[in-house]
Amino acid sequence: MVRPSVSLLPPSSEQLSGGSATLTCLLSGYSPQGAVVSWQVDGTEVTEGVLSSSEEEKSGRYSSSSTLSLSRESWMGGELYSCGVLHHDHSQTQSLHRSQCEG
């Protein structure tokens, strides 16, 4: 059992200036397949605007991604954004603070 490496990427400034915001949760290097991603905003699980890719296998290791698409207003209305990953019996979370992504 190899745990996924998880990265959480904030929206780009170009996106925000265009009125939208997409957060991306990247999972890589895990085995076996079966990782499940969930999203939370300020501690509350969200399902609207979530799109998860299928798991891709390369040399016996898997990778996948999940995105959370928000309006700029919704992004500005939250502070703590979290991507939770459940890989069989192991869970881990990556979080970012919106206020630390500004500028």
PDB file of N, CA and C in Angstrom:
ATOM      1  N   MET A   1       0.857  -1.197   0.000  1.00  0.00           N
ATOM      2  CA  MET A   1       0.000   0.000   0.000  1.00  0.00           C
ATOM      3  C   MET A   1       0.889   1.243   0.000  1.00  0.00           C
ATOM      4  N   VAL A   2       0.714   2.070  -1.006  1.00  0.00           N
ATOM      5  CA  VAL A   2       1.480   3.314  -1.098  1.00  0.00           C
ATOM      6  C   VAL A   2       0.500   4.481  -1.068  1.00  0.00           C
ATOM      7  N   ARG A   3       0.697   5.381  -0.116  1.00  0.00           N
ATOM      8  CA  ARG A   3      -0.216   6.508   0.057  1.00  0.00           C
ATOM      9  C   ARG A   3      -0.024   7.545  -1.045  1.00  0.00           C
ATOM     10  N   PRO A   4      -1.098   8.229  -1.414  1.00  0.00           N
ATOM     11  CA  PRO A   4      -0.965   9.275  -2.432  1.00  0.00           C
ATOM     12  C   PRO A   4      -0.242  10.509  -1.905  1.00  0.00           C
ATOM     13  N   SER A   5       0.512  11.123  -2.786  1.00  0.00           N
ATOM     14  CA  SER A   5       1.055  12.451  -2.517  1.00  0.00           C
ATOM     15  C   SER A   5      -0.017  13.443  -2.962  1.00  0.00           C
ATOM     16  N   VAL A   6      -0.395  14.349  -2.062  1.00  0.00           N
ATOM     17  CA  VAL A   6      -1.528  15.239  -2.330  1.00  0.00           C
ATOM     18  C   VAL A   6      -1.071  16.694  -2.379  1.00  0.00           C
ATOM     19  N   SER A   7      -1.475  17.400  -3.421  1.00  0.00           N
ATOM     20  CA  SER A   7      -1.188  18.833  -3.551  1.00  0.00           C
ATOM     21  C   SER A   7      -2.491  19.574  -3.798  1.00  0.00           C
ATOM     22  N   LEU A   8      -2.641  20.719  -3.154  1.00  0.00           N
ATOM     23  CA  LEU A   8      -3.832  21.554  -3.342  1.00  0.00           C
ATOM     24  C   LEU A   8      -3.405  22.886  -3.940  1.00  0.00           C
ATOM     25  N   LEU A   9      -3.906  23.162  -5.133  1.00  0.00           N
ATOM     26  CA  LEU A   9      -3.507  24.372  -5.857  1.00  0.00           C
ATOM     27  C   LEU A   9      -4.621  25.410  -5.822  1.00  0.00           C
ATOM     28  N   PRO A  10      -4.296  26.656  -5.482  1.00  0.00           N
ATOM     29  CA  PRO A  10      -5.313  27.717  -5.437  1.00  0.00           C
ATOM     30  C   PRO A  10      -5.668  28.202  -6.838  1.00  0.00           C
ATOM     31  N   PRO A  11      -6.727  28.972  -6.961  1.00  0.00           N
ATOM     32  CA  PRO A  11      -7.079  29.556  -8.260  1.00  0.00           C
ATOM     33  C   PRO A  11      -5.999  30.530  -8.719  1.00  0.00           C
ATOM     34  N   SER A  12      -5.876  30.674 -10.031  1.00  0.00           N
ATOM     35  CA  SER A  12      -4.908  31.631 -10.563  1.00  0.00           C
ATOM     36  C   SER A  12      -5.491  33.037 -10.517  1.00  0.00           C
ATOM     37  N   SER A  13      -4.612  34.023 -10.505  1.00  0.00           N
ATOM     38  CA  SER A  13      -5.070  35.415 -10.493  1.00  0.00           C
ATOM     39  C   SER A  13      -5.804  35.744 -11.790  1.00  0.00           C
ATOM     40  N   GLU A  14      -5.409  35.076 -12.900  1.00  0.00           N
ATOM     41  CA  GLU A  14      -6.096  35.295 -14.170  1.00  0.00           C
ATOM     42  C   GLU A  14      -7.548  34.840 -14.079  1.00  0.00           C
ATOM     43  N   GLN A  15      -7.753  33.679 -13.454  1.00  0.00           N
ATOM     44  CA  GLN A  15      -9.117  33.180 -13.258  1.00  0.00           C
ATOM     45  C   GLN A  15      -9.944  34.148 -12.435  1.00  0.00           C
ATOM     46  N   LEU A  16      -9.369  34.586 -11.331  1.00  0.00           N
ATOM     47  CA  LEU A  16     -10.103  35.455 -10.415  1.00  0.00           C
ATOM     48  C   LEU A  16     -10.486  36.767 -11.085  1.00  0.00           C
ATOM     49  N   SER A  17      -9.586  37.291 -11.901  1.00  0.00           N
ATOM     50  CA  SER A  17      -9.901  38.544 -12.584  1.00  0.00           C
ATOM     51  C   SER A  17     -11.002  38.329 -13.610  1.00  0.00           C
ATOM     52  N   GLY A  18     -11.181  37.072 -14.038  1.00  0.00           N
ATOM     53  CA  GLY A  18     -12.249  36.752 -14.981  1.00  0.00           C
ATOM     54  C   GLY A  18     -13.554  36.385 -14.304  1.00  0.00           C
ATOM     55  N   GLY A  19     -13.557  36.391 -12.972  1.00  0.00           N
ATOM     56  CA  GLY A  19     -14.802  36.168 -12.249  1.00  0.00           C
ATOM     57  C   GLY A  19     -15.068  34.754 -11.792  1.00  0.00           C
ATOM     58  N   SER A  20     -14.066  33.869 -11.935  1.00  0.00           N
ATOM     59  CA  SER A  20     -14.262  32.495 -11.479  1.00  0.00           C
ATOM     60  C   SER A  20     -13.067  32.046 -10.646  1.00  0.00           C
ATOM     61  N   ALA A  21     -13.220  30.889 -10.014  1.00  0.00           N
ATOM     62  CA  ALA A  21     -12.140  30.356  -9.181  1.00  0.00           C
ATOM     63  C   ALA A  21     -12.210  28.835  -9.208  1.00  0.00           C
ATOM     64  N   THR A  22     -11.095  28.191  -9.558  1.00  0.00           N
ATOM     65  CA  THR A  22     -11.042  26.733  -9.551  1.00  0.00           C
ATOM     66  C   THR A  22      -9.871  26.278  -8.696  1.00  0.00           C
ATOM     67  N   LEU A  23     -10.166  25.455  -7.703  1.00  0.00           N
ATOM     68  CA  LEU A  23      -9.123  24.845  -6.886  1.00  0.00           C
ATOM     69  C   LEU A  23      -8.890  23.437  -7.409  1.00  0.00           C
ATOM     70  N   THR A  24      -7.635  23.005  -7.398  1.00  0.00           N
ATOM     71  CA  THR A  24      -7.291  21.690  -7.923  1.00  0.00           C
ATOM     72  C   THR A  24      -6.561  20.870  -6.876  1.00  0.00           C
ATOM     73  N   CYS A  25      -7.045  19.653  -6.667  1.00  0.00           N
ATOM     74  CA  CYS A  25      -6.416  18.717  -5.742  1.00  0.00           C
ATOM     75  C   CYS A  25      -5.773  17.615  -6.583  1.00  0.00           C
ATOM     76  N   LEU A  26      -4.458  17.504  -6.505  1.00  0.00           N
ATOM     77  CA  LEU A  26      -3.717  16.528  -7.299  1.00  0.00           C
ATOM     78  C   LEU A  26      -3.243  15.374  -6.424  1.00  0.00           C
ATOM     79  N   LEU A  27      -3.503  14.151  -6.866  1.00  0.00           N
ATOM     80  CA  LEU A  27      -3.056  12.947  -6.174  1.00  0.00           C
ATOM     81  C   LEU A  27      -2.099  12.211  -7.092  1.00  0.00           C
ATOM     82  N   SER A  28      -0.994  11.742  -6.551  1.00  0.00           N
ATOM     83  CA  SER A  28      -0.044  11.039  -7.400  1.00  0.00           C
ATOM     84  C   SER A  28       0.711   9.958  -6.635  1.00  0.00           C
ATOM     85  N   GLY A  29       1.195   8.977  -7.404  1.00  0.00           N
ATOM     86  CA  GLY A  29       2.118   7.980  -6.886  1.00  0.00           C
ATOM     87  C   GLY A  29       1.559   6.972  -5.918  1.00  0.00           C
ATOM     88  N   TYR A  30       0.248   6.687  -5.988  1.00  0.00           N
ATOM     89  CA  TYR A  30      -0.318   5.772  -4.999  1.00  0.00           C
ATOM     90  C   TYR A  30      -0.696   4.418  -5.599  1.00  0.00           C
ATOM     91  N   SER A  31      -0.818   3.445  -4.719  1.00  0.00           N
ATOM     92  CA  SER A  31      -1.197   2.096  -5.105  1.00  0.00           C
ATOM     93  C   SER A  31      -1.784   1.378  -3.893  1.00  0.00           C
ATOM     94  N   PRO A  32      -2.831   0.594  -4.040  1.00  0.00           N
ATOM     95  CA  PRO A  32      -3.613   0.383  -5.261  1.00  0.00           C
ATOM     96  C   PRO A  32      -4.555   1.549  -5.518  1.00  0.00           C
ATOM     97  N   GLN A  33      -5.346   1.425  -6.589  1.00  0.00           N
ATOM     98  CA  GLN A  33      -6.316   2.479  -6.896  1.00  0.00           C
ATOM     99  C   GLN A  33      -7.427   2.476  -5.853  1.00  0.00           C
ATOM    100  N   GLY A  34      -8.267   3.482  -5.885  1.00  0.00           N
ATOM    101  CA  GLY A  34      -9.367   3.547  -4.934  1.00  0.00           C
ATOM    102  C   GLY A  34      -9.328   4.755  -4.024  1.00  0.00           C
ATOM    103  N   ALA A  35      -8.657   5.829  -4.453  1.00  0.00           N
ATOM    104  CA  ALA A  35      -8.624   7.059  -3.656  1.00  0.00           C
ATOM    105  C   ALA A  35      -9.892   7.870  -3.917  1.00  0.00           C
ATOM    106  N   VAL A  36     -10.465   8.406  -2.850  1.00  0.00           N
ATOM    107  CA  VAL A  36     -11.691   9.196  -2.949  1.00  0.00           C
ATOM    108  C   VAL A  36     -11.417  10.597  -2.405  1.00  0.00           C
ATOM    109  N   VAL A  37     -11.808  11.615  -3.161  1.00  0.00           N
ATOM    110  CA  VAL A  37     -11.558  13.008  -2.776  1.00  0.00           C
ATOM    111  C   VAL A  37     -12.863  13.673  -2.343  1.00  0.00           C
ATOM    112  N   SER A  38     -12.797  14.434  -1.265  1.00  0.00           N
ATOM    113  CA  SER A  38     -13.930  15.253  -0.840  1.00  0.00           C
ATOM    114  C   SER A  38     -13.431  16.672  -0.596  1.00  0.00           C
ATOM    115  N   TRP A  39     -14.332  17.625  -0.665  1.00  0.00           N
ATOM    116  CA  TRP A  39     -13.983  19.035  -0.503  1.00  0.00           C
ATOM    117  C   TRP A  39     -14.745  19.649   0.660  1.00  0.00           C
ATOM    118  N   GLN A  40     -14.071  20.529   1.381  1.00  0.00           N
ATOM    119  CA  GLN A  40     -14.715  21.270   2.455  1.00  0.00           C
ATOM    120  C   GLN A  40     -14.359  22.753   2.340  1.00  0.00           C
ATOM    121  N   VAL A  41     -15.334  23.585   2.639  1.00  0.00           N
ATOM    122  CA  VAL A  41     -15.117  25.026   2.727  1.00  0.00           C
ATOM    123  C   VAL A  41     -15.514  25.453   4.130  1.00  0.00           C
ATOM    124  N   ASP A  42     -14.547  25.980   4.866  1.00  0.00           N
ATOM    125  CA  ASP A  42     -14.777  26.387   6.261  1.00  0.00           C
ATOM    126  C   ASP A  42     -15.401  25.255   7.087  1.00  0.00           C
ATOM    127  N   GLY A  43     -14.939  24.027   6.822  1.00  0.00           N
ATOM    128  CA  GLY A  43     -15.377  22.889   7.621  1.00  0.00           C
ATOM    129  C   GLY A  43     -16.656  22.223   7.169  1.00  0.00           C
ATOM    130  N   THR A  44     -17.286  22.743   6.124  1.00  0.00           N
ATOM    131  CA  THR A  44     -18.532  22.170   5.621  1.00  0.00           C
ATOM    132  C   THR A  44     -18.289  21.503   4.277  1.00  0.00           C
ATOM    133  N   GLU A  45     -18.704  20.232   4.153  1.00  0.00           N
ATOM    134  CA  GLU A  45     -18.473  19.521   2.903  1.00  0.00           C
ATOM    135  C   GLU A  45     -19.296  20.129   1.775  1.00  0.00           C
ATOM    136  N   VAL A  46     -18.671  20.255   0.617  1.00  0.00           N
ATOM    137  CA  VAL A  46     -19.356  20.767  -0.566  1.00  0.00           C
ATOM    138  C   VAL A  46     -19.271  19.732  -1.685  1.00  0.00           C
ATOM    139  N   THR A  47     -20.346  19.625  -2.451  1.00  0.00           N
ATOM    140  CA  THR A  47     -20.372  18.682  -3.570  1.00  0.00           C
ATOM    141  C   THR A  47     -20.662  19.390  -4.893  1.00  0.00           C
ATOM    142  N   GLU A  48     -21.257  20.570  -4.819  1.00  0.00           N
ATOM    143  CA  GLU A  48     -21.575  21.321  -6.033  1.00  0.00           C
ATOM    144  C   GLU A  48     -20.304  21.910  -6.632  1.00  0.00           C
ATOM    145  N   GLY A  49     -20.147  21.739  -7.942  1.00  0.00           N
ATOM    146  CA  GLY A  49     -18.976  22.284  -8.610  1.00  0.00           C
ATOM    147  C   GLY A  49     -17.747  21.396  -8.546  1.00  0.00           C
ATOM    148  N   VAL A  50     -17.920  20.162  -8.042  1.00  0.00           N
ATOM    149  CA  VAL A  50     -16.788  19.238  -7.920  1.00  0.00           C
ATOM    150  C   VAL A  50     -16.738  18.327  -9.139  1.00  0.00           C
ATOM    151  N   LEU A  51     -15.551  18.185  -9.705  1.00  0.00           N
ATOM    152  CA  LEU A  51     -15.346  17.293 -10.842  1.00  0.00           C
ATOM    153  C   LEU A  51     -14.080  16.489 -10.591  1.00  0.00           C
ATOM    154  N   SER A  52     -14.217  15.167 -10.546  1.00  0.00           N
ATOM    155  CA  SER A  52     -13.064  14.310 -10.279  1.00  0.00           C
ATOM    156  C   SER A  52     -12.721  13.496 -11.517  1.00  0.00           C
ATOM    157  N   SER A  53     -11.432  13.389 -11.796  1.00  0.00           N
ATOM    158  CA  SER A  53     -10.988  12.626 -12.954  1.00  0.00           C
ATOM    159  C   SER A  53     -10.933  11.143 -12.609  1.00  0.00           C
ATOM    160  N   SER A  54     -10.872  10.314 -13.640  1.00  0.00           N
ATOM    161  CA  SER A  54     -10.666   8.891 -13.402  1.00  0.00           C
ATOM    162  C   SER A  54      -9.196   8.669 -13.050  1.00  0.00           C
ATOM    163  N   GLU A  55      -8.938   7.574 -12.350  1.00  0.00           N
ATOM    164  CA  GLU A  55      -7.570   7.287 -11.933  1.00  0.00           C
ATOM    165  C   GLU A  55      -6.769   6.737 -13.112  1.00  0.00           C
ATOM    166  N   GLU A  56      -5.561   7.257 -13.281  1.00  0.00           N
ATOM    167  CA  GLU A  56      -4.692   6.810 -14.363  1.00  0.00           C
ATOM    168  C   GLU A  56      -3.521   6.034 -13.784  1.00  0.00           C
ATOM    169  N   GLU A  57      -3.217   4.908 -14.443  1.00  0.00           N
ATOM    170  CA  GLU A  57      -2.143   4.050 -13.949  1.00  0.00           C
ATOM    171  C   GLU A  57      -0.897   4.191 -14.823  1.00  0.00           C
ATOM    172  N   LYS A  58       0.245   4.285 -14.160  1.00  0.00           N
ATOM    173  CA  LYS A  58       1.518   4.337 -14.872  1.00  0.00           C
ATOM    174  C   LYS A  58       2.557   3.612 -14.034  1.00  0.00           C
ATOM    175  N   SER A  59       3.103   2.543 -14.587  1.00  0.00           N
ATOM    176  CA  SER A  59       4.124   1.745 -13.892  1.00  0.00           C
ATOM    177  C   SER A  59       3.648   1.266 -12.521  1.00  0.00           C
ATOM    178  N   GLY A  60       2.368   0.903 -12.444  1.00  0.00           N
ATOM    179  CA  GLY A  60       1.843   0.356 -11.206  1.00  0.00           C
ATOM    180  C   GLY A  60       1.425   1.373 -10.166  1.00  0.00           C
ATOM    181  N   ARG A  61       1.625   2.647 -10.451  1.00  0.00           N
ATOM    182  CA  ARG A  61       1.205   3.708  -9.529  1.00  0.00           C
ATOM    183  C   ARG A  61       0.078   4.506 -10.174  1.00  0.00           C
ATOM    184  N   TYR A  62      -0.789   5.028  -9.333  1.00  0.00           N
ATOM    185  CA  TYR A  62      -1.968   5.731  -9.833  1.00  0.00           C
ATOM    186  C   TYR A  62      -1.893   7.226  -9.549  1.00  0.00           C
ATOM    187  N   SER A  63      -2.580   7.977 -10.391  1.00  0.00           N
ATOM    188  CA  SER A  63      -2.713   9.417 -10.168  1.00  0.00           C
ATOM    189  C   SER A  63      -4.122   9.832 -10.573  1.00  0.00           C
ATOM    190  N   SER A  64      -4.599  10.899  -9.969  1.00  0.00           N
ATOM    191  CA  SER A  64      -5.918  11.425 -10.299  1.00  0.00           C
ATOM    192  C   SER A  64      -5.985  12.870  -9.833  1.00  0.00           C
ATOM    193  N   SER A  65      -7.069  13.529 -10.177  1.00  0.00           N
ATOM    194  CA  SER A  65      -7.233  14.911  -9.744  1.00  0.00           C
ATOM    195  C   SER A  65      -8.707  15.207  -9.516  1.00  0.00           C
ATOM    196  N   SER A  66      -8.950  16.235  -8.750  1.00  0.00           N
ATOM    197  CA  SER A  66     -10.313  16.694  -8.500  1.00  0.00           C
ATOM    198  C   SER A  66     -10.288  18.211  -8.475  1.00  0.00           C
ATOM    199  N   THR A  67     -11.301  18.817  -9.066  1.00  0.00           N
ATOM    200  CA  THR A  67     -11.370  20.276  -9.066  1.00  0.00           C
ATOM    201  C   THR A  67     -12.659  20.747  -8.403  1.00  0.00           C
ATOM    202  N   LEU A  68     -12.563  21.895  -7.779  1.00  0.00           N
ATOM    203  CA  LEU A  68     -13.722  22.562  -7.189  1.00  0.00           C
ATOM    204  C   LEU A  68     -13.864  23.908  -7.881  1.00  0.00           C
ATOM    205  N   SER A  69     -14.950  24.067  -8.636  1.00  0.00           N
ATOM    206  CA  SER A  69     -15.172  25.303  -9.389  1.00  0.00           C
ATOM    207  C   SER A  69     -16.165  26.195  -8.657  1.00  0.00           C
ATOM    208  N   LEU A  70     -15.761  27.432  -8.448  1.00  0.00           N
ATOM    209  CA  LEU A  70     -16.569  28.394  -7.707  1.00  0.00           C
ATOM    210  C   LEU A  70     -16.656  29.703  -8.480  1.00  0.00           C
ATOM    211  N   SER A  71     -17.656  30.495  -8.150  1.00  0.00           N
ATOM    212  CA  SER A  71     -17.665  31.870  -8.636  1.00  0.00           C
ATOM    213  C   SER A  71     -16.666  32.662  -7.789  1.00  0.00           C
ATOM    214  N   ARG A  72     -16.244  33.798  -8.290  1.00  0.00           N
ATOM    215  CA  ARG A  72     -15.324  34.634  -7.519  1.00  0.00           C
ATOM    216  C   ARG A  72     -15.973  35.049  -6.198  1.00  0.00           C
ATOM    217  N   GLU A  73     -17.277  35.282  -6.240  1.00  0.00           N
ATOM    218  CA  GLU A  73     -17.984  35.684  -5.019  1.00  0.00           C
ATOM    219  C   GLU A  73     -17.947  34.575  -3.968  1.00  0.00           C
ATOM    220  N   SER A  74     -18.162  33.332  -4.422  1.00  0.00           N
ATOM    221  CA  SER A  74     -18.124  32.204  -3.479  1.00  0.00           C
ATOM    222  C   SER A  74     -16.725  32.038  -2.897  1.00  0.00           C
ATOM    223  N   TRP A  75     -15.707  32.168  -3.756  1.00  0.00           N
ATOM    224  CA  TRP A  75     -14.317  32.065  -3.309  1.00  0.00           C
ATOM    225  C   TRP A  75     -14.014  33.121  -2.250  1.00  0.00           C
ATOM    226  N   MET A  76     -14.455  34.348  -2.505  1.00  0.00           N
ATOM    227  CA  MET A  76     -14.196  35.431  -1.563  1.00  0.00           C
ATOM    228  C   MET A  76     -14.980  35.254  -0.263  1.00  0.00           C
ATOM    229  N   GLY A  77     -16.068  34.479  -0.322  1.00  0.00           N
ATOM    230  CA  GLY A  77     -16.903  34.286   0.856  1.00  0.00           C
ATOM    231  C   GLY A  77     -16.397  33.225   1.810  1.00  0.00           C
ATOM    232  N   GLY A  78     -15.415  32.438   1.370  1.00  0.00           N
ATOM    233  CA  GLY A  78     -14.857  31.399   2.231  1.00  0.00           C
ATOM    234  C   GLY A  78     -13.444  31.750   2.640  1.00  0.00           C
ATOM    235  N   GLU A  79     -12.903  31.039   3.619  1.00  0.00           N
ATOM    236  CA  GLU A  79     -11.529  31.291   4.060  1.00  0.00           C
ATOM    237  C   GLU A  79     -10.687  30.020   4.026  1.00  0.00           C
ATOM    238  N   LEU A  80     -11.196  28.938   4.621  1.00  0.00           N
ATOM    239  CA  LEU A  80     -10.418  27.698   4.708  1.00  0.00           C
ATOM    240  C   LEU A  80     -10.956  26.683   3.704  1.00  0.00           C
ATOM    241  N   TYR A  81     -10.134  26.345   2.732  1.00  0.00           N
ATOM    242  CA  TYR A  81     -10.511  25.387   1.693  1.00  0.00           C
ATOM    243  C   TYR A  81      -9.692  24.120   1.878  1.00  0.00           C
ATOM    244  N   SER A  82     -10.381  22.975   1.930  1.00  0.00           N
ATOM    245  CA  SER A  82      -9.706  21.708   2.220  1.00  0.00           C
ATOM    246  C   SER A  82     -10.081  20.638   1.207  1.00  0.00           C
ATOM    247  N   CYS A  83      -9.067  19.864   0.851  1.00  0.00           N
ATOM    248  CA  CYS A  83      -9.235  18.709  -0.020  1.00  0.00           C
ATOM    249  C   CYS A  83      -8.909  17.481   0.835  1.00  0.00           C
ATOM    250  N   GLY A  84      -9.900  16.637   1.048  1.00  0.00           N
ATOM    251  CA  GLY A  84      -9.703  15.441   1.857  1.00  0.00           C
ATOM    252  C   GLY A  84      -9.570  14.217   0.972  1.00  0.00           C
ATOM    253  N   VAL A  85      -8.601  13.365   1.278  1.00  0.00           N
ATOM    254  CA  VAL A  85      -8.368  12.170   0.478  1.00  0.00           C
ATOM    255  C   VAL A  85      -8.484  10.939   1.362  1.00  0.00           C
ATOM    256  N   LEU A  86      -9.355  10.019   0.956  1.00  0.00           N
ATOM    257  CA  LEU A  86      -9.482   8.737   1.644  1.00  0.00           C
ATOM    258  C   LEU A  86      -8.931   7.660   0.727  1.00  0.00           C
ATOM    259  N   HIS A  87      -7.845   7.029   1.168  1.00  0.00           N
ATOM    260  CA  HIS A  87      -7.229   5.960   0.387  1.00  0.00           C
ATOM    261  C   HIS A  87      -7.288   4.699   1.232  1.00  0.00           C
ATOM    262  N   HIS A  88      -8.301   3.888   0.953  1.00  0.00           N
ATOM    263  CA  HIS A  88      -8.592   2.703   1.758  1.00  0.00           C
ATOM    264  C   HIS A  88      -8.813   3.120   3.214  1.00  0.00           C
ATOM    265  N   ASP A  89      -8.003   2.708   4.160  1.00  0.00           N
ATOM    266  CA  ASP A  89      -8.302   3.055   5.559  1.00  0.00           C
ATOM    267  C   ASP A  89      -7.527   4.277   6.035  1.00  0.00           C
ATOM    268  N   HIS A  90      -6.900   4.984   5.113  1.00  0.00           N
ATOM    269  CA  HIS A  90      -6.047   6.114   5.487  1.00  0.00           C
ATOM    270  C   HIS A  90      -6.608   7.409   4.910  1.00  0.00           C
ATOM    271  N   SER A  91      -6.778   8.404   5.762  1.00  0.00           N
ATOM    272  CA  SER A  91      -7.269   9.697   5.278  1.00  0.00           C
ATOM    273  C   SER A  91      -6.232  10.782   5.534  1.00  0.00           C
ATOM    274  N   GLN A  92      -6.202  11.751   4.660  1.00  0.00           N
ATOM    275  CA  GLN A  92      -5.315  12.903   4.828  1.00  0.00           C
ATOM    276  C   GLN A  92      -5.993  14.123   4.217  1.00  0.00           C
ATOM    277  N   THR A  93      -5.583  15.279   4.686  1.00  0.00           N
ATOM    278  CA  THR A  93      -6.209  16.523   4.245  1.00  0.00           C
ATOM    279  C   THR A  93      -5.152  17.565   3.909  1.00  0.00           C
ATOM    280  N   GLN A  94      -5.379  18.271   2.819  1.00  0.00           N
ATOM    281  CA  GLN A  94      -4.564  19.433   2.474  1.00  0.00           C
ATOM    282  C   GLN A  94      -5.481  20.647   2.521  1.00  0.00           C
ATOM    283  N   SER A  95      -5.000  21.720   3.106  1.00  0.00           N
ATOM    284  CA  SER A  95      -5.829  22.919   3.239  1.00  0.00           C
ATOM    285  C   SER A  95      -5.065  24.167   2.818  1.00  0.00           C
ATOM    286  N   LEU A  96      -5.821  25.183   2.432  1.00  0.00           N
ATOM    287  CA  LEU A  96      -5.213  26.488   2.181  1.00  0.00           C
ATOM    288  C   LEU A  96      -6.162  27.573   2.671  1.00  0.00           C
ATOM    289  N   HIS A  97      -5.569  28.691   3.041  1.00  0.00           N
ATOM    290  CA  HIS A  97      -6.340  29.845   3.493  1.00  0.00           C
ATOM    291  C   HIS A  97      -6.419  30.857   2.357  1.00  0.00           C
ATOM    292  N   ARG A  98      -7.632  31.254   2.026  1.00  0.00           N
ATOM    293  CA  ARG A  98      -7.806  32.201   0.931  1.00  0.00           C
ATOM    294  C   ARG A  98      -7.014  33.482   1.167  1.00  0.00           C
ATOM    295  N   SER A  99      -6.998  33.963   2.414  1.00  0.00           N
ATOM    296  CA  SER A  99      -6.318  35.225   2.714  1.00  0.00           C
ATOM    297  C   SER A  99      -4.818  35.146   2.435  1.00  0.00           C
ATOM    298  N   GLN A 100      -4.265  33.925   2.425  1.00  0.00           N
ATOM    299  CA  GLN A 100      -2.836  33.763   2.151  1.00  0.00           C
ATOM    300  C   GLN A 100      -2.563  33.612   0.658  1.00  0.00           C
ATOM    301  N   CYS A 101      -3.628  33.520  -0.145  1.00  0.00           N
ATOM    302  CA  CYS A 101      -3.475  33.382  -1.593  1.00  0.00           C
ATOM    303  C   CYS A 101      -3.654  34.715  -2.307  1.00  0.00           C
ATOM    304  N   GLU A 102      -4.128  35.712  -1.585  1.00  0.00           N
ATOM    305  CA  GLU A 102      -4.390  37.011  -2.207  1.00  0.00           C
ATOM    306  C   GLU A 102      -3.087  37.705  -2.582  1.00  0.00           C
ATOM    307  N   GLY A 103      -3.152  38.450  -3.679  1.00  0.00           N
ATOM    308  CA  GLY A 103      -1.998  39.229  -4.081  1.00  0.00           C
ATOM    309  C   GLY A 103      -0.941  38.388  -4.731  1.00  0.00           C
TER     310      GLY A 103
END
